[in-house]
């Protein structure tokens, strides 16, 4: 019966092609939707994932990295006192307004004040030492290559941030932020651009590197045991990045819309696929009736239909994977924020295969028409 299912699928491929395309299209939509969601909301933690720090110290209760509040310089001293911490570095966050030379109006930007030394941890994965060195110039800033048009400036051009003149000394990839444009500057330049006099001498975060072989989670737990140096909380980089992404995905209400859309895609795909499979089974109903007349039981016929549904789902998944990889490469070259983790991809593919199986179960019901008596009509 299994061989019969494959041979029928090959011989009658025109009948099953719409079902294969339906599964493939639904799977492709789910994969691209997941990649886009992970890319967009993952950009909320770009400050963490593009840096090499193991620990982040910030204000207690901070839900996302962009919601940080100033903390005392004494926190840096507490980090340095820990025997497993080998390096501490400040990070200054400034909400600012960009005024470019072109007629682009005001643009909301996030200024990231970082240590411009070659061995700095902030954005070490996207800023090579030679590019970081350019930030030592007063008023120098670096932007993402994809944000140049929205800022209305080019490399070497000048603009104003919070009324202070800045110069774009370079561009990089992987700096795009969620909800605004990310501007990278040195700590000194960020201090000049900060218009909050009350916070002039305070940093937003302190990041740290732990000794090789030491688990950051253990160090973070130990550092969170005392508030003698002022209010602060220490997170591991992975935990803080995950918390920032989940905040934007669910606490802002965007996650509910994503889940609703995913449900709609699954529902529409299952309806289309089940209808095409049902049509294919009905088209071969006389053949099934003949097999039933020859002694093939209904249970064996159901296995044939379910085997066909499985192969329809498998072929649809192959198509979606090939096209999805091509589109992801194109999106990456176009600086579209798309990111797909293996676990997420496997989940989407499993849902698509479940769609095909559910459609097969719906098509099985049509076998009730495979009555040998219908051959006499």
Foldseek 3Di string as FASTA:
>chain_A
DLVVLVVLCVVPVVLLVLLLQLLLVLLLVLQQLQQQLCLQLLLQLLQLVLFDFFKKKFFPPDQGLLRFDWDDPLLQVLQVPDPFFDDKWFKAWAFKWKFFPDPLPIFTEIEIAGALAQPTGGSVNKAHNVRSVVLVPAQEKEFAPLCCVNNVHDQQGWIAIQRHIHHHPYHTASNQHHPGTYIYHHNVNVLVNHPDVVCSPTTRMMTTHTHPPDRSVVVQVVSVPDQPSHGMHMDTSVVNSVSSSVCVCPVVPVVVVSVVVSVVSLVVSLVSSLVSLLVSCVVCLQVLLVVVVVPDDLVVVLVSLLSNLQVSLVSSNVSSVVVSVVVVVVCVVSSNRTDDDPVSSVVSSVSSSVSSNSSSVSSSVSNVSSHNVVVVD
